[in-house]
C-alpha atoms as a PDB file:
ATOM      1  CA  MET A   1       0.000   0.000   0.000  1.00  0.00           C
ATOM      2  CA  LYS A   2       1.207   3.487  -0.729  1.00  0.00           C
ATOM      3  CA  GLU A   3       2.081   5.811   2.116  1.00  0.00           C
ATOM      4  CA  GLN A   4      -0.942   7.630   3.478  1.00  0.00           C
ATOM      5  CA  SER A   5      -0.947  11.387   3.321  1.00  0.00           C
ATOM      6  CA  ALA A   6      -0.925  13.514   6.466  1.00  0.00           C
ATOM      7  CA  LYS A   7      -4.407  14.795   5.597  1.00  0.00           C
ATOM      8  CA  SER A   8      -5.885  11.306   5.456  1.00  0.00           C
ATOM      9  CA  LYS A   9      -4.252  10.377   8.773  1.00  0.00           C
ATOM     10  CA  MET A  10      -5.706  13.471  10.402  1.00  0.00           C
ATOM     11  CA  LEU A  11      -9.120  12.687   8.922  1.00  0.00           C
ATOM     12  CA  PHE A  12      -8.940   9.142  10.319  1.00  0.00           C
ATOM     13  CA  LEU A  13      -8.087  10.493  13.791  1.00  0.00           C
ATOM     14  CA  VAL A  14     -11.001  12.942  13.650  1.00  0.00           C
ATOM     15  CA  PHE A  15     -13.436  10.224  12.526  1.00  0.00           C
ATOM     16  CA  GLY A  16     -12.208   7.806  15.181  1.00  0.00           C
ATOM     17  CA  SER A  17     -12.434  10.400  17.935  1.00  0.00           C
ATOM     18  CA  ILE A  18     -15.950  11.449  16.937  1.00  0.00           C
ATOM     19  CA  LEU A  19     -17.163   7.857  16.789  1.00  0.00           C
ATOM     20  CA  TRP A  20     -15.678   7.037  20.186  1.00  0.00           C
ATOM     21  CA  LEU A  21     -17.181  10.190  21.714  1.00  0.00           C
ATOM     22  CA  LEU A  22     -20.591   9.231  20.335  1.00  0.00           C
ATOM     23  CA  ILE A  23     -20.461   6.110  22.505  1.00  0.00           C
ATOM     24  CA  ILE A  24     -20.874   8.274  25.633  1.00  0.00           C
ATOM     25  CA  PRO A  25     -24.495   9.349  24.941  1.00  0.00           C
ATOM     26  CA  ILE A  26     -25.436   5.780  24.030  1.00  0.00           C
ATOM     27  CA  LYS A  27     -24.021   4.492  27.316  1.00  0.00           C
ATOM     28  CA  LEU A  28     -25.781   7.298  29.206  1.00  0.00           C
ATOM     29  CA  PHE A  29     -29.091   6.493  27.516  1.00  0.00           C
ATOM     30  CA  ARG A  30     -28.657   2.863  28.520  1.00  0.00           C
ATOM     31  CA  PHE A  31     -27.802   3.804  32.102  1.00  0.00           C
ATOM     32  CA  ILE A  32     -30.868   6.028  32.564  1.00  0.00           C
ATOM     33  CA  ASN A  33     -33.143   3.575  30.694  1.00  0.00           C
ATOM     34  CA  PHE A  34     -33.928   6.065  27.941  1.00  0.00           C
ATOM     35  CA  ASN A  35     -34.773   3.824  25.000  1.00  0.00           C
ATOM     36  CA  VAL A  36     -34.497   5.942  21.889  1.00  0.00           C
ATOM     37  CA  ILE A  37     -34.494   3.040  19.515  1.00  0.00           C
ATOM     38  CA  GLU A  38     -33.789  -0.225  21.276  1.00  0.00           C
ATOM     39  CA  ILE A  39     -31.355  -1.648  18.703  1.00  0.00           C
ATOM     40  CA  ILE A  40     -29.297   1.568  18.700  1.00  0.00           C
ATOM     41  CA  ASN A  41     -29.376   1.671  22.465  1.00  0.00           C
ATOM     42  CA  ASN A  42     -28.252  -1.964  22.753  1.00  0.00           C
ATOM     43  CA  ASN A  43     -25.834  -2.318  19.835  1.00  0.00           C
ATOM     44  CA  GLY A  44     -24.732   1.190  18.923  1.00  0.00           C
ATOM     45  CA  ALA A  45     -21.638   1.131  21.112  1.00  0.00           C
ATOM     46  CA  SER A  46     -20.359  -2.025  19.392  1.00  0.00           C
ATOM     47  CA  PHE A  47     -20.907  -0.470  15.974  1.00  0.00           C
ATOM     48  CA  LEU A  48     -19.258   2.860  16.833  1.00  0.00           C
ATOM     49  CA  GLY A  49     -16.444   1.337  18.869  1.00  0.00           C
ATOM     50  CA  SER A  50     -15.284  -1.101  16.207  1.00  0.00           C
ATOM     51  CA  SER A  51     -15.402   1.416  13.383  1.00  0.00           C
ATOM     52  CA  GLY A  52     -13.703   4.039  15.559  1.00  0.00           C
ATOM     53  CA  LEU A  53     -10.951   1.558  16.397  1.00  0.00           C
ATOM     54  CA  LEU A  54     -10.132   1.025  12.722  1.00  0.00           C
ATOM     55  CA  PHE A  55      -9.971   4.773  12.108  1.00  0.00           C
ATOM     56  CA  MET A  56      -7.741   5.279  15.155  1.00  0.00           C
ATOM     57  CA  ILE A  57      -5.355   2.538  14.020  1.00  0.00           C
ATOM     58  CA  LEU A  58      -5.139   4.047  10.536  1.00  0.00           C
ATOM     59  CA  GLY A  59      -4.566   7.528  11.924  1.00  0.00           C
ATOM     60  CA  SER A  60      -2.013   6.541  14.548  1.00  0.00           C
ATOM     61  CA  ARG A  61       1.550   7.776  14.451  1.00  0.00           C
ATOM     62  CA  SER A  62       3.036   4.669  16.033  1.00  0.00           C
ATOM     63  CA  ARG A  63       4.172   1.422  14.431  1.00  0.00           C
ATOM     64  CA  LEU A  64       0.577   0.811  13.465  1.00  0.00           C
ATOM     65  CA  SER A  65       0.833   3.639  10.936  1.00  0.00           C
ATOM     66  CA  THR A  66       2.899   1.418   8.635  1.00  0.00           C
ATOM     67  CA  LEU A  67       0.175  -1.209   8.358  1.00  0.00           C
ATOM     68  CA  ALA A  68      -1.773  -1.682   5.166  1.00  0.00           C
ATOM     69  CA  LEU A  69      -5.528  -1.171   5.312  1.00  0.00           C
ATOM     70  CA  SER A  70      -6.152  -4.922   5.189  1.00  0.00           C
ATOM     71  CA  GLN A  71      -3.721  -5.548   8.055  1.00  0.00           C
ATOM     72  CA  ALA A  72      -5.293  -2.812  10.179  1.00  0.00           C
ATOM     73  CA  THR A  73      -8.725  -4.263   9.443  1.00  0.00           C
ATOM     74  CA  ILE A  74      -7.654  -7.752  10.534  1.00  0.00           C
ATOM     75  CA  ILE A  75      -6.240  -6.349  13.790  1.00  0.00           C
ATOM     76  CA  THR A  76      -9.486  -4.450  14.339  1.00  0.00           C
ATOM     77  CA  ILE A  77     -11.563  -7.582  13.755  1.00  0.00           C
ATOM     78  CA  ILE A  78      -9.462  -9.592  16.217  1.00  0.00           C
ATOM     79  CA  VAL A  79      -9.549  -6.921  18.939  1.00  0.00           C
ATOM     80  CA  ALA A  80     -13.229  -5.997  18.548  1.00  0.00           C
ATOM     81  CA  LEU A  81     -14.511  -9.571  18.433  1.00  0.00           C
ATOM     82  CA  SER A  82     -12.247 -10.539  21.343  1.00  0.00           C
ATOM     83  CA  ILE A  83     -13.848  -7.801  23.418  1.00  0.00           C
ATOM     84  CA  GLU A  84     -17.322  -9.045  22.494  1.00  0.00           C
ATOM     85  CA  PHE A  85     -16.534 -12.707  23.194  1.00  0.00           C
ATOM     86  CA  PHE A  86     -14.722 -11.814  26.416  1.00  0.00           C
ATOM     87  CA  GLN A  87     -18.149 -11.134  27.896  1.00  0.00           C
ATOM     88  CA  LEU A  88     -18.909 -14.862  27.664  1.00  0.00           C
ATOM     89  CA  LEU A  89     -16.143 -15.696  30.145  1.00  0.00           C
ATOM     90  CA  PHE A  90     -17.912 -14.196  33.125  1.00  0.00           C
ATOM     91  CA  ARG A  91     -21.281 -15.382  34.315  1.00  0.00           C
ATOM     92  CA  PHE A  92     -22.976 -13.201  36.871  1.00  0.00           C
ATOM     93  CA  GLU A  93     -25.437 -14.655  39.335  1.00  0.00           C
ATOM     94  CA  ASP A  94     -28.090 -12.150  38.353  1.00  0.00           C
ATOM     95  CA  SER A  95     -27.374 -11.543  34.677  1.00  0.00           C
ATOM     96  CA  SER A  96     -30.357  -9.212  34.325  1.00  0.00           C
ATOM     97  CA  SER A  97     -28.659  -6.603  36.489  1.00  0.00           C
ATOM     98  CA  SER A  98     -25.235  -6.747  34.870  1.00  0.00           C
ATOM     99  CA  LEU A  99     -24.270  -3.913  32.605  1.00  0.00           C
ATOM    100  CA  TYR A 100     -22.329  -6.124  30.196  1.00  0.00           C
ATOM    101  CA  ARG A 101     -24.119  -8.991  28.529  1.00  0.00           C
ATOM    102  CA  PHE A 102     -23.307 -10.984  25.439  1.00  0.00           C
ATOM    103  CA  ASP A 103     -25.639 -10.424  22.527  1.00  0.00           C
ATOM    104  CA  ILE A 104     -25.257 -11.890  19.045  1.00  0.00           C
ATOM    105  CA  LEU A 105     -26.499  -8.583  17.606  1.00  0.00           C
ATOM    106  CA  ASP A 106     -23.376  -6.972  19.108  1.00  0.00           C
ATOM    107  CA  ILE A 107     -21.287  -9.277  16.921  1.00  0.00           C
ATOM    108  CA  TYR A 108     -23.296  -8.277  13.848  1.00  0.00           C
ATOM    109  CA  ALA A 109     -23.019  -4.585  14.759  1.00  0.00           C
ATOM    110  CA  THR A 110     -19.255  -4.947  15.248  1.00  0.00           C
ATOM    111  CA  ILE A 111     -18.774  -6.624  11.876  1.00  0.00           C
ATOM    112  CA  LEU A 112     -21.035  -4.098  10.130  1.00  0.00           C
ATOM    113  CA  GLY A 113     -19.114  -1.219  11.727  1.00  0.00           C
ATOM    114  CA  ILE A 114     -15.798  -2.641  10.541  1.00  0.00           C
ATOM    115  CA  ILE A 115     -17.106  -3.220   7.003  1.00  0.00           C
ATOM    116  CA  ILE A 116     -18.402   0.348   6.732  1.00  0.00           C
ATOM    117  CA  ALA A 117     -15.204   1.799   8.228  1.00  0.00           C
ATOM    118  CA  TYR A 118     -13.086  -0.306   5.833  1.00  0.00           C
ATOM    119  CA  THR A 119     -15.078   0.872   2.821  1.00  0.00           C
ATOM    120  CA  LEU A 120     -14.892   4.518   3.867  1.00  0.00           C
ATOM    121  CA  SER A 121     -11.177   4.224   4.667  1.00  0.00           C
ATOM    122  CA  ARG A 122     -10.471   2.689   1.283  1.00  0.00           C
ATOM    123  CA  CYS A 123     -12.260   5.575  -0.456  1.00  0.00           C
ATOM    124  CA  ILE A 124     -10.365   8.160   1.627  1.00  0.00           C
ATOM    125  CA  ILE A 125      -6.984   6.551   0.941  1.00  0.00           C
ATOM    126  CA  ARG A 126      -7.669   6.348  -2.795  1.00  0.00           C
ATOM    127  CA  HIS A 127      -8.895   9.949  -2.871  1.00  0.00           C
ATOM    128  CA  TYR A 128      -5.874  11.411  -1.086  1.00  0.00           C
ATOM    129  CA  ASN A 129      -3.357   9.171  -2.884  1.00  0.00           C
ATOM    130  CA  LYS A 130      -4.777  10.381  -6.179  1.00  0.00           C
ATOM    131  CA  PHE A 131      -4.038  13.984  -5.232  1.00  0.00           C
ATOM    132  CA  VAL A 132      -0.623  13.133  -3.778  1.00  0.00           C
ATOM    133  CA  ASN A 133       0.380  11.282  -6.963  1.00  0.00           C
ATOM    134  CA  GLU A 134      -0.905  14.070  -9.225  1.00  0.00           C
ATOM    135  CA  SER A 135       1.011  16.728  -7.302  1.00  0.00           C
ATOM    136  CA  ASN A 136       4.281  14.804  -7.820  1.00  0.00           C
ATOM    137  CA  PHE A 137       4.067  15.442 -11.570  1.00  0.00           C
ATOM    138  CA  ASP A 138       3.780  19.249 -11.263  1.00  0.00           C
END
């Protein structure tokens, strides 16, 4: 994969930060039992968290910044699904009162979030690489 431009990295960081910050109202709505739309209330954090993670990996300035989009996506899938399946390890006596419960729709929301983030990231990388490559010929 070609080197990402600084503009695309900054855009990925902004997208990732916004998506992660949007998790806060969803968690607050769940805590105060304010059901806006039940599926968003129950699965929105998984969707936003997984897609935000991919954007944050792509926008990072660490060793992760050298990863190709496909490699970053695989890491995101492993981390996000591990977090979801980690909830199966603990069984609470009264599972109705626990804040963290396993739900298969969380898995679907996680995968959907990663697919959408991958598609958007691919478009952003192609867009900015097109302009970077064209400016080299001037």
